[in-house]
Amino acid sequence: MIIDAHSHLWLRQDTVVDGKRILSLKNGRSIFFDQEVQMLPPFMTDGRNTAEVFLSNMDYAQVGGAVVVQEIIDGCQNEYLAEVQQLYPDRFFCMGMAWNVAEAEAVAAMGLKGIAFPGHRMKQPLTELMPVFKKMEERGLVLSMCLADDERQIGQMRDVIQECPQLRVAIGHFGMVTTPSFRSQVMLAGEGDNVMIESGGITWLFNSEFYPFPSAIRAIRDAAGWVGIDRLMWGSDYPRTITAITYRMSYDFISKSTELSADEKSLFLGANARRFYGFTHLPELPYIKNMSE
């Protein structure tokens, strides 16, 4: 069973970050920090990155469940993700966006399962949000945190983990694997019993190397040696990464690798996420042969 621990959904991007515009256009393109980019595959013509399109990709790639996180570059999608969570409770684990205790309570009341923080875009210390993290711990919400690509947030995150020992924490972007902070971020999983590392964006970070991403496989092996394979989870960073590769390719470079054992692949690709997030009623998804095979 395969579970995606890092994905995104939105109905429309329409926001401003650091004074620069982010706006959905047609044919999969968006204005991104005032520059036109291919945000989605070109066949997603209306700019909508919906649960139904994602489910079609998941079914085709035999991915049973997915964790949906948020990023400020997509704008707040709390209302839409609450609807997705209600419509597809067995397939999705949707996270909200919140910046204070009242907003965290509202996220929980909407039925969302966690809160995602793009720490790499935050200017204030993470510890300023400690009341929010404590409320999340109290309410059983999962924290998704992507950290900056240097050391400045490592100590702050360590303080959060120590102050909230029951808070389930998933560190995203595989600890910014191609940067000097990689080992320090991964080692945060050794600071508490409820801390995991997920690989959302790993194919983006190794995009210059491209498929089958041999350096990404070596990085997974390194991280497993530091904290154990049971602390690591696969994530795709869908849909942005599938402008370069297919959704299945975002994990099959792992399943096809000869450098990981069958047990390691099983844990990394799904079993760890199933335990950590509590997925239960996942569908059995048979392989559907391509007509070109």
C-alpha atoms as a PDB file:
ATOM      1  CA  MET A   1       0.000   0.000   0.000  1.00  0.00           C
ATOM      2  CA  ILE A   2       1.394   3.353  -1.088  1.00  0.00           C
ATOM      3  CA  ILE A   3       0.611   6.612   0.749  1.00  0.00           C
ATOM      4  CA  ASP A   4       1.683  10.082  -0.373  1.00  0.00           C
ATOM      5  CA  ALA A   5       2.728  12.117   2.693  1.00  0.00           C
ATOM      6  CA  HIS A   6       3.055  15.496   0.924  1.00  0.00           C
ATOM      7  CA  SER A   7       0.684  16.871  -1.710  1.00  0.00           C
ATOM      8  CA  HIS A   8      -1.259  20.046  -2.488  1.00  0.00           C
ATOM      9  CA  LEU A   9      -4.764  20.899  -3.687  1.00  0.00           C
ATOM     10  CA  TRP A  10      -6.377  24.232  -4.519  1.00  0.00           C
ATOM     11  CA  LEU A  11      -9.321  25.625  -6.410  1.00  0.00           C
ATOM     12  CA  ARG A  12      -7.489  28.779  -7.447  1.00  0.00           C
ATOM     13  CA  GLN A  13      -4.271  30.553  -6.604  1.00  0.00           C
ATOM     14  CA  ASP A  14      -4.878  34.230  -5.936  1.00  0.00           C
ATOM     15  CA  THR A  15      -2.628  35.784  -3.317  1.00  0.00           C
ATOM     16  CA  VAL A  16       0.295  38.119  -2.662  1.00  0.00           C
ATOM     17  CA  VAL A  17       3.461  36.993  -0.854  1.00  0.00           C
ATOM     18  CA  ASP A  18       6.213  39.474   0.020  1.00  0.00           C
ATOM     19  CA  GLY A  19       4.518  42.014  -2.201  1.00  0.00           C
ATOM     20  CA  LYS A  20       4.567  39.760  -5.276  1.00  0.00           C
ATOM     21  CA  ARG A  21       1.574  38.250  -7.076  1.00  0.00           C
ATOM     22  CA  ILE A  22       0.648  34.578  -7.369  1.00  0.00           C
ATOM     23  CA  LEU A  23      -2.347  33.968  -9.635  1.00  0.00           C
ATOM     24  CA  SER A  24      -3.757  31.015 -11.567  1.00  0.00           C
ATOM     25  CA  LEU A  25      -3.862  31.412 -15.339  1.00  0.00           C
ATOM     26  CA  LYS A  26      -4.939  29.007 -18.088  1.00  0.00           C
ATOM     27  CA  ASN A  27      -3.286  25.834 -19.400  1.00  0.00           C
ATOM     28  CA  GLY A  28      -1.572  25.005 -16.121  1.00  0.00           C
ATOM     29  CA  ARG A  29       0.306  28.278 -15.876  1.00  0.00           C
ATOM     30  CA  SER A  30       0.425  30.746 -13.004  1.00  0.00           C
ATOM     31  CA  ILE A  31       1.916  34.091 -12.205  1.00  0.00           C
ATOM     32  CA  PHE A  32       4.455  33.099  -9.531  1.00  0.00           C
ATOM     33  CA  PHE A  33       6.247  35.956  -7.761  1.00  0.00           C
ATOM     34  CA  ASP A  34       5.424  38.164 -10.745  1.00  0.00           C
ATOM     35  CA  GLN A  35       6.788  35.637 -13.289  1.00  0.00           C
ATOM     36  CA  GLU A  36       4.754  33.338 -15.539  1.00  0.00           C
ATOM     37  CA  VAL A  37       5.587  29.669 -14.836  1.00  0.00           C
ATOM     38  CA  GLN A  38       4.180  26.221 -15.625  1.00  0.00           C
ATOM     39  CA  MET A  39       2.647  25.490 -12.219  1.00  0.00           C
ATOM     40  CA  LEU A  40       0.526  22.502 -13.327  1.00  0.00           C
ATOM     41  CA  PRO A  41       0.634  20.044 -16.222  1.00  0.00           C
ATOM     42  CA  PRO A  42      -0.706  21.781 -19.349  1.00  0.00           C
ATOM     43  CA  PHE A  43      -3.750  19.515 -19.595  1.00  0.00           C
ATOM     44  CA  MET A  44      -5.086  21.078 -16.359  1.00  0.00           C
ATOM     45  CA  THR A  45      -6.388  23.933 -18.472  1.00  0.00           C
ATOM     46  CA  ASP A  46      -8.595  25.780 -15.968  1.00  0.00           C
ATOM     47  CA  GLY A  47      -5.982  26.286 -13.214  1.00  0.00           C
ATOM     48  CA  ARG A  48      -7.999  24.157 -10.784  1.00  0.00           C
ATOM     49  CA  ASN A  49      -5.973  21.576  -8.887  1.00  0.00           C
ATOM     50  CA  THR A  50      -8.864  19.492  -7.602  1.00  0.00           C
ATOM     51  CA  ALA A  51      -9.261  16.384  -5.477  1.00  0.00           C
ATOM     52  CA  GLU A  52     -11.019  14.564  -8.309  1.00  0.00           C
ATOM     53  CA  VAL A  53      -8.117  15.008 -10.730  1.00  0.00           C
ATOM     54  CA  PHE A  54      -5.702  13.952  -8.003  1.00  0.00           C
ATOM     55  CA  LEU A  55      -7.782  10.871  -7.194  1.00  0.00           C
ATOM     56  CA  SER A  56      -7.633   9.873 -10.850  1.00  0.00           C
ATOM     57  CA  ASN A  57      -3.834  10.150 -10.719  1.00  0.00           C
ATOM     58  CA  MET A  58      -3.747   8.257  -7.416  1.00  0.00           C
ATOM     59  CA  ASP A  59      -5.915   5.416  -8.721  1.00  0.00           C
ATOM     60  CA  TYR A  60      -3.817   5.089 -11.874  1.00  0.00           C
ATOM     61  CA  ALA A  61      -0.556   5.088  -9.867  1.00  0.00           C
ATOM     62  CA  GLN A  62      -2.013   2.756  -7.174  1.00  0.00           C
ATOM     63  CA  VAL A  63      -1.599   5.319  -4.385  1.00  0.00           C
ATOM     64  CA  GLY A  64      -4.174   4.555  -1.720  1.00  0.00           C
ATOM     65  CA  GLY A  65      -4.106   7.717   0.370  1.00  0.00           C
ATOM     66  CA  ALA A  66      -2.575  11.180   0.437  1.00  0.00           C
ATOM     67  CA  VAL A  67      -1.747  13.845   2.992  1.00  0.00           C
ATOM     68  CA  VAL A  68      -2.673  17.307   1.705  1.00  0.00           C
ATOM     69  CA  VAL A  69      -0.589  20.121   3.165  1.00  0.00           C
ATOM     70  CA  GLN A  70      -0.740  23.851   2.484  1.00  0.00           C
ATOM     71  CA  GLU A  71       1.674  26.562   1.370  1.00  0.00           C
ATOM     72  CA  ILE A  72       1.125  30.297   1.543  1.00  0.00           C
ATOM     73  CA  ILE A  73       1.997  30.588  -2.155  1.00  0.00           C
ATOM     74  CA  ASP A  74      -1.310  28.859  -2.938  1.00  0.00           C
ATOM     75  CA  GLY A  75      -3.418  31.029  -0.645  1.00  0.00           C
ATOM     76  CA  CYS A  76      -5.471  29.663   2.244  1.00  0.00           C
ATOM     77  CA  GLN A  77      -7.471  26.630   1.088  1.00  0.00           C
ATOM     78  CA  ASN A  78      -9.075  25.739   4.438  1.00  0.00           C
ATOM     79  CA  GLU A  79     -12.667  25.784   3.217  1.00  0.00           C
ATOM     80  CA  TYR A  80     -11.954  23.704   0.135  1.00  0.00           C
ATOM     81  CA  LEU A  81      -9.846  21.153   2.011  1.00  0.00           C
ATOM     82  CA  ALA A  82     -12.515  20.794   4.706  1.00  0.00           C
ATOM     83  CA  GLU A  83     -14.927  19.900   1.908  1.00  0.00           C
ATOM     84  CA  VAL A  84     -12.424  17.420   0.447  1.00  0.00           C
ATOM     85  CA  GLN A  85     -11.919  15.830   3.868  1.00  0.00           C
ATOM     86  CA  GLN A  86     -15.662  15.362   4.259  1.00  0.00           C
ATOM     87  CA  LEU A  87     -16.150  13.985   0.744  1.00  0.00           C
ATOM     88  CA  TYR A  88     -13.195  11.566   0.741  1.00  0.00           C
ATOM     89  CA  PRO A  89     -12.353  10.767   4.384  1.00  0.00           C
ATOM     90  CA  ASP A  90     -10.691   7.426   3.582  1.00  0.00           C
ATOM     91  CA  ARG A  91      -8.386   8.784   0.872  1.00  0.00           C
ATOM     92  CA  PHE A  92      -7.218  12.143   2.204  1.00  0.00           C
ATOM     93  CA  PHE A  93      -5.671  13.537   5.385  1.00  0.00           C
ATOM     94  CA  CYS A  94      -6.116  17.281   4.887  1.00  0.00           C
ATOM     95  CA  MET A  95      -4.299  20.003   6.801  1.00  0.00           C
ATOM     96  CA  GLY A  96      -5.343  23.566   7.412  1.00  0.00           C
ATOM     97  CA  MET A  97      -3.532  26.856   7.656  1.00  0.00           C
ATOM     98  CA  ALA A  98      -3.520  28.806  10.935  1.00  0.00           C
ATOM     99  CA  TRP A  99      -1.342  31.457  12.579  1.00  0.00           C
ATOM    100  CA  ASN A 100      -2.836  31.779  16.074  1.00  0.00           C
ATOM    101  CA  VAL A 101      -4.717  29.711  18.652  1.00  0.00           C
ATOM    102  CA  ALA A 102      -8.163  30.865  17.515  1.00  0.00           C
ATOM    103  CA  GLU A 103      -7.414  29.907  13.921  1.00  0.00           C
ATOM    104  CA  ALA A 104      -6.060  26.534  15.091  1.00  0.00           C
ATOM    105  CA  GLU A 105      -9.318  25.907  16.942  1.00  0.00           C
ATOM    106  CA  ALA A 106     -11.244  26.835  13.796  1.00  0.00           C
ATOM    107  CA  VAL A 107      -9.166  24.377  11.740  1.00  0.00           C
ATOM    108  CA  ALA A 108     -10.016  21.582  14.186  1.00  0.00           C
ATOM    109  CA  ALA A 109     -13.699  22.553  14.171  1.00  0.00           C
ATOM    110  CA  MET A 110     -13.744  22.313  10.358  1.00  0.00           C
ATOM    111  CA  GLY A 111     -12.675  18.676  10.558  1.00  0.00           C
ATOM    112  CA  LEU A 112      -9.159  19.200   9.210  1.00  0.00           C
ATOM    113  CA  LYS A 113      -6.536  16.840  10.619  1.00  0.00           C
ATOM    114  CA  GLY A 114      -3.496  19.045  11.071  1.00  0.00           C
ATOM    115  CA  ILE A 115      -1.857  22.372  10.306  1.00  0.00           C
ATOM    116  CA  ALA A 116       0.921  22.966   7.784  1.00  0.00           C
ATOM    117  CA  PHE A 117       3.527  25.681   8.233  1.00  0.00           C
ATOM    118  CA  PRO A 118       5.902  26.833   5.463  1.00  0.00           C
ATOM    119  CA  GLY A 119       8.648  27.590   7.953  1.00  0.00           C
ATOM    120  CA  HIS A 120      11.069  28.347   5.146  1.00  0.00           C
ATOM    121  CA  ARG A 121       8.951  31.395   4.278  1.00  0.00           C
ATOM    122  CA  MET A 122       8.457  32.603   7.863  1.00  0.00           C
ATOM    123  CA  LYS A 123      10.326  35.606   9.194  1.00  0.00           C
ATOM    124  CA  GLN A 124       9.460  35.212  12.889  1.00  0.00           C
ATOM    125  CA  PRO A 125      11.027  32.509  15.110  1.00  0.00           C
ATOM    126  CA  LEU A 126       9.078  29.252  15.175  1.00  0.00           C
ATOM    127  CA  THR A 127       8.946  29.439  18.965  1.00  0.00           C
ATOM    128  CA  GLU A 128       6.638  32.473  18.736  1.00  0.00           C
ATOM    129  CA  LEU A 129       3.994  29.985  17.596  1.00  0.00           C
ATOM    130  CA  MET A 130       4.437  27.768  20.661  1.00  0.00           C
ATOM    131  CA  PRO A 131       0.865  28.470  21.930  1.00  0.00           C
ATOM    132  CA  VAL A 132      -0.437  27.218  18.571  1.00  0.00           C
ATOM    133  CA  PHE A 133       1.723  24.086  18.741  1.00  0.00           C
ATOM    134  CA  LYS A 134       0.544  23.383  22.292  1.00  0.00           C
ATOM    135  CA  LYS A 135      -3.078  23.748  21.188  1.00  0.00           C
ATOM    136  CA  MET A 136      -2.394  21.355  18.307  1.00  0.00           C
ATOM    137  CA  GLU A 137      -0.889  18.855  20.743  1.00  0.00           C
ATOM    138  CA  GLU A 138      -3.975  19.181  22.937  1.00  0.00           C
ATOM    139  CA  ARG A 139      -6.367  18.691  20.000  1.00  0.00           C
ATOM    140  CA  GLY A 140      -4.408  15.843  18.379  1.00  0.00           C
ATOM    141  CA  LEU A 141      -3.598  17.814  15.222  1.00  0.00           C
ATOM    142  CA  VAL A 142      -0.536  16.842  13.186  1.00  0.00           C
ATOM    143  CA  LEU A 143       2.107  19.483  12.480  1.00  0.00           C
ATOM    144  CA  SER A 144       3.594  19.610   8.984  1.00  0.00           C
ATOM    145  CA  MET A 145       6.697  21.810   8.931  1.00  0.00           C
ATOM    146  CA  CYS A 146       9.013  22.695   6.064  1.00  0.00           C
ATOM    147  CA  LEU A 147      12.193  24.325   7.352  1.00  0.00           C
ATOM    148  CA  ALA A 148      14.656  26.804   5.866  1.00  0.00           C
ATOM    149  CA  ASP A 149      17.636  25.489   3.941  1.00  0.00           C
ATOM    150  CA  ASP A 150      20.154  26.528   6.593  1.00  0.00           C
ATOM    151  CA  GLU A 151      20.663  25.930  10.318  1.00  0.00           C
ATOM    152  CA  ARG A 152      18.778  28.891  11.767  1.00  0.00           C
ATOM    153  CA  GLN A 153      15.514  27.025  12.505  1.00  0.00           C
ATOM    154  CA  ILE A 154      17.008  23.750  13.747  1.00  0.00           C
ATOM    155  CA  GLY A 155      17.311  24.828  17.379  1.00  0.00           C
ATOM    156  CA  GLN A 156      13.880  26.443  17.269  1.00  0.00           C
ATOM    157  CA  MET A 157      12.298  23.254  15.951  1.00  0.00           C
ATOM    158  CA  ARG A 158      14.121  21.212  18.579  1.00  0.00           C
ATOM    159  CA  ASP A 159      12.574  23.458  21.263  1.00  0.00           C
ATOM    160  CA  VAL A 160       9.092  22.887  19.798  1.00  0.00           C
ATOM    161  CA  ILE A 161       9.581  19.108  19.821  1.00  0.00           C
ATOM    162  CA  GLN A 162      10.804  19.126  23.407  1.00  0.00           C
ATOM    163  CA  GLU A 163       8.033  21.459  24.623  1.00  0.00           C
ATOM    164  CA  CYS A 164       5.301  19.427  22.884  1.00  0.00           C
ATOM    165  CA  PRO A 165       6.377  15.777  23.253  1.00  0.00           C
ATOM    166  CA  GLN A 166       2.976  14.363  22.214  1.00  0.00           C
ATOM    167  CA  LEU A 167       2.694  16.527  19.111  1.00  0.00           C
ATOM    168  CA  ARG A 168       3.048  14.511  15.915  1.00  0.00           C
ATOM    169  CA  VAL A 169       5.503  16.337  13.639  1.00  0.00           C
ATOM    170  CA  ALA A 170       6.340  15.690   9.984  1.00  0.00           C
ATOM    171  CA  ILE A 171       9.381  17.558   8.647  1.00  0.00           C
ATOM    172  CA  GLY A 172       8.874  18.184   4.934  1.00  0.00           C
ATOM    173  CA  HIS A 173      10.985  18.404   1.768  1.00  0.00           C
ATOM    174  CA  PHE A 174      13.145  15.555   3.087  1.00  0.00           C
ATOM    175  CA  GLY A 175      15.051  17.985   5.262  1.00  0.00           C
ATOM    176  CA  MET A 176      16.024  20.103   2.236  1.00  0.00           C
ATOM    177  CA  VAL A 177      18.179  17.186   1.157  1.00  0.00           C
ATOM    178  CA  THR A 178      20.416  19.030  -1.314  1.00  0.00           C
ATOM    179  CA  THR A 179      21.420  21.761   1.167  1.00  0.00           C
ATOM    180  CA  PRO A 180      23.871  21.897   4.103  1.00  0.00           C
ATOM    181  CA  SER A 181      21.047  21.597   6.671  1.00  0.00           C
ATOM    182  CA  PHE A 182      19.996  18.117   5.457  1.00  0.00           C
ATOM    183  CA  ARG A 183      21.570  16.050   8.229  1.00  0.00           C
ATOM    184  CA  SER A 184      20.529  18.496  10.961  1.00  0.00           C
ATOM    185  CA  GLN A 185      16.915  18.438   9.790  1.00  0.00           C
ATOM    186  CA  VAL A 186      16.811  14.640   9.569  1.00  0.00           C
ATOM    187  CA  MET A 187      18.335  14.311  13.026  1.00  0.00           C
ATOM    188  CA  LEU A 188      15.324  16.156  14.450  1.00  0.00           C
ATOM    189  CA  ALA A 189      13.520  12.813  14.106  1.00  0.00           C
ATOM    190  CA  GLY A 190      15.752  11.594  16.916  1.00  0.00           C
ATOM    191  CA  GLU A 191      14.561  14.361  19.256  1.00  0.00           C
ATOM    192  CA  GLY A 192      11.145  12.833  19.970  1.00  0.00           C
ATOM    193  CA  ASP A 193       9.040   9.717  19.567  1.00  0.00           C
ATOM    194  CA  ASN A 194       6.516  11.448  17.296  1.00  0.00           C
ATOM    195  CA  VAL A 195       8.760  13.080  14.684  1.00  0.00           C
ATOM    196  CA  MET A 196       8.954  11.896  11.077  1.00  0.00           C
ATOM    197  CA  ILE A 197      10.719  13.053   7.902  1.00  0.00           C
ATOM    198  CA  GLU A 198       8.758  13.065   4.628  1.00  0.00           C
ATOM    199  CA  SER A 199      10.221  13.340   1.155  1.00  0.00           C
ATOM    200  CA  GLY A 200       7.802  15.765  -0.520  1.00  0.00           C
ATOM    201  CA  GLY A 201       9.762  17.616  -3.182  1.00  0.00           C
ATOM    202  CA  ILE A 202      12.726  15.249  -3.319  1.00  0.00           C
ATOM    203  CA  THR A 203      12.423  14.911  -7.118  1.00  0.00           C
ATOM    204  CA  TRP A 204      12.270  18.707  -7.398  1.00  0.00           C
ATOM    205  CA  LEU A 205      15.429  19.042  -5.321  1.00  0.00           C
ATOM    206  CA  PHE A 206      17.209  16.519  -7.538  1.00  0.00           C
ATOM    207  CA  ASN A 207      15.577  17.771 -10.746  1.00  0.00           C
ATOM    208  CA  SER A 208      18.925  18.619 -12.385  1.00  0.00           C
ATOM    209  CA  GLU A 209      19.972  14.976 -12.015  1.00  0.00           C
ATOM    210  CA  PHE A 210      16.548  13.707 -13.130  1.00  0.00           C
ATOM    211  CA  TYR A 211      15.037  10.233 -13.208  1.00  0.00           C
ATOM    212  CA  PRO A 212      15.902   7.717 -11.762  1.00  0.00           C
ATOM    213  CA  PHE A 213      17.407  10.102  -9.180  1.00  0.00           C
ATOM    214  CA  PRO A 214      20.311   7.954  -7.917  1.00  0.00           C
ATOM    215  CA  SER A 215      21.442  10.661  -5.474  1.00  0.00           C
ATOM    216  CA  ALA A 216      17.947  10.712  -3.954  1.00  0.00           C
ATOM    217  CA  ILE A 217      18.207   6.977  -3.299  1.00  0.00           C
ATOM    218  CA  ARG A 218      21.583   7.498  -1.613  1.00  0.00           C
ATOM    219  CA  ALA A 219      20.082  10.296   0.495  1.00  0.00           C
ATOM    220  CA  ILE A 220      17.260   7.998   1.629  1.00  0.00           C
ATOM    221  CA  ARG A 221      19.849   5.407   2.624  1.00  0.00           C
ATOM    222  CA  ASP A 222      21.857   8.046   4.513  1.00  0.00           C
ATOM    223  CA  ALA A 223      18.801   9.283   6.397  1.00  0.00           C
ATOM    224  CA  ALA A 224      17.785   5.718   7.257  1.00  0.00           C
ATOM    225  CA  GLY A 225      21.256   5.168   8.683  1.00  0.00           C
ATOM    226  CA  TRP A 226      20.964   8.257  10.867  1.00  0.00           C
ATOM    227  CA  VAL A 227      17.450   7.838  12.316  1.00  0.00           C
ATOM    228  CA  GLY A 228      16.066   4.524  10.998  1.00  0.00           C
ATOM    229  CA  ILE A 229      13.886   3.748   7.993  1.00  0.00           C
ATOM    230  CA  ASP A 230      10.839   3.701  10.292  1.00  0.00           C
ATOM    231  CA  ARG A 231      11.102   7.521  10.607  1.00  0.00           C
ATOM    232  CA  LEU A 232      10.963   8.214   6.873  1.00  0.00           C
ATOM    233  CA  MET A 233       7.952   8.601   4.548  1.00  0.00           C
ATOM    234  CA  TRP A 234       7.517   9.128   0.823  1.00  0.00           C
ATOM    235  CA  GLY A 235       5.876  12.304  -0.460  1.00  0.00           C
ATOM    236  CA  SER A 236       5.455  13.578  -4.010  1.00  0.00           C
ATOM    237  CA  ASP A 237       4.813  17.338  -3.705  1.00  0.00           C
ATOM    238  CA  TYR A 238       2.023  16.824  -6.279  1.00  0.00           C
ATOM    239  CA  PRO A 239       1.065  18.584  -8.518  1.00  0.00           C
ATOM    240  CA  ARG A 240       4.060  20.862  -9.105  1.00  0.00           C
ATOM    241  CA  THR A 241       6.517  17.998  -9.555  1.00  0.00           C
ATOM    242  CA  ILE A 242       4.452  16.326 -12.283  1.00  0.00           C
ATOM    243  CA  THR A 243       5.204  19.101 -14.734  1.00  0.00           C
ATOM    244  CA  ALA A 244       8.560  17.294 -15.121  1.00  0.00           C
ATOM    245  CA  ILE A 245       7.682  13.644 -14.437  1.00  0.00           C
ATOM    246  CA  THR A 246       4.535  11.535 -14.136  1.00  0.00           C
ATOM    247  CA  TYR A 247       2.962  10.917 -10.764  1.00  0.00           C
ATOM    248  CA  ARG A 248       3.982   7.243 -10.809  1.00  0.00           C
ATOM    249  CA  MET A 249       7.573   8.238 -11.586  1.00  0.00           C
ATOM    250  CA  SER A 250       7.656  10.278  -8.386  1.00  0.00           C
ATOM    251  CA  TYR A 251       7.848   7.018  -6.436  1.00  0.00           C
ATOM    252  CA  ASP A 252       8.714   4.171  -8.806  1.00  0.00           C
ATOM    253  CA  PHE A 253      12.373   5.187  -8.888  1.00  0.00           C
ATOM    254  CA  ILE A 254      12.269   3.960  -5.272  1.00  0.00           C
ATOM    255  CA  SER A 255      10.288   0.790  -5.906  1.00  0.00           C
ATOM    256  CA  LYS A 256      12.608  -0.121  -8.785  1.00  0.00           C
ATOM    257  CA  SER A 257      15.820   0.589  -6.888  1.00  0.00           C
ATOM    258  CA  THR A 258      18.144  -2.297  -6.041  1.00  0.00           C
ATOM    259  CA  GLU A 259      19.725  -0.313  -3.185  1.00  0.00           C
ATOM    260  CA  LEU A 260      16.749  -0.654  -0.839  1.00  0.00           C
ATOM    261  CA  SER A 261      15.289  -3.899   0.497  1.00  0.00           C
ATOM    262  CA  ALA A 262      11.664  -4.906   0.003  1.00  0.00           C
ATOM    263  CA  ASP A 263      10.964  -4.207   3.674  1.00  0.00           C
ATOM    264  CA  GLU A 264      12.585  -0.766   3.467  1.00  0.00           C
ATOM    265  CA  LYS A 265      10.521   0.106   0.410  1.00  0.00           C
ATOM    266  CA  SER A 266       7.324  -1.066   2.081  1.00  0.00           C
ATOM    267  CA  LEU A 267       7.951   1.075   5.157  1.00  0.00           C
ATOM    268  CA  PHE A 268       9.063   4.156   3.242  1.00  0.00           C
ATOM    269  CA  LEU A 269       6.330   4.081   0.603  1.00  0.00           C
ATOM    270  CA  GLY A 270       3.352   3.489   2.833  1.00  0.00           C
ATOM    271  CA  ALA A 271       3.540   1.530   6.076  1.00  0.00           C
ATOM    272  CA  ASN A 272       5.175   4.329   8.080  1.00  0.00           C
ATOM    273  CA  ALA A 273       2.655   6.907   6.874  1.00  0.00           C
ATOM    274  CA  ARG A 274      -0.245   4.556   7.527  1.00  0.00           C
ATOM    275  CA  ARG A 275       0.861   4.202  11.153  1.00  0.00           C
ATOM    276  CA  PHE A 276       1.731   7.887  11.662  1.00  0.00           C
ATOM    277  CA  TYR A 277      -1.403   9.417  10.125  1.00  0.00           C
ATOM    278  CA  GLY A 278      -3.812   6.636  11.018  1.00  0.00           C
ATOM    279  CA  PHE A 279      -5.109   5.683   7.562  1.00  0.00           C
ATOM    280  CA  THR A 280      -7.409   2.672   7.938  1.00  0.00           C
ATOM    281  CA  HIS A 281      -9.864   2.025   5.086  1.00  0.00           C
ATOM    282  CA  LEU A 282      -7.616   2.341   2.053  1.00  0.00           C
ATOM    283  CA  PRO A 283      -8.830   0.831  -1.216  1.00  0.00           C
ATOM    284  CA  GLU A 284      -7.192  -2.014  -3.081  1.00  0.00           C
ATOM    285  CA  LEU A 285      -6.078  -0.570  -6.399  1.00  0.00           C
ATOM    286  CA  PRO A 286      -5.300  -3.084  -9.152  1.00  0.00           C
ATOM    287  CA  TYR A 287      -2.718  -2.357 -11.805  1.00  0.00           C
ATOM    288  CA  ILE A 288      -4.366  -1.160 -15.028  1.00  0.00           C
ATOM    289  CA  LYS A 289      -2.354  -1.969 -18.127  1.00  0.00           C
ATOM    290  CA  ASN A 290      -1.510   0.877 -20.457  1.00  0.00           C
ATOM    291  CA  MET A 291      -2.826   0.424 -23.982  1.00  0.00           C
ATOM    292  CA  SER A 292       0.748   1.007 -25.234  1.00  0.00           C
ATOM    293  CA  GLU A 293       2.111  -1.991 -23.313  1.00  0.00           C
END
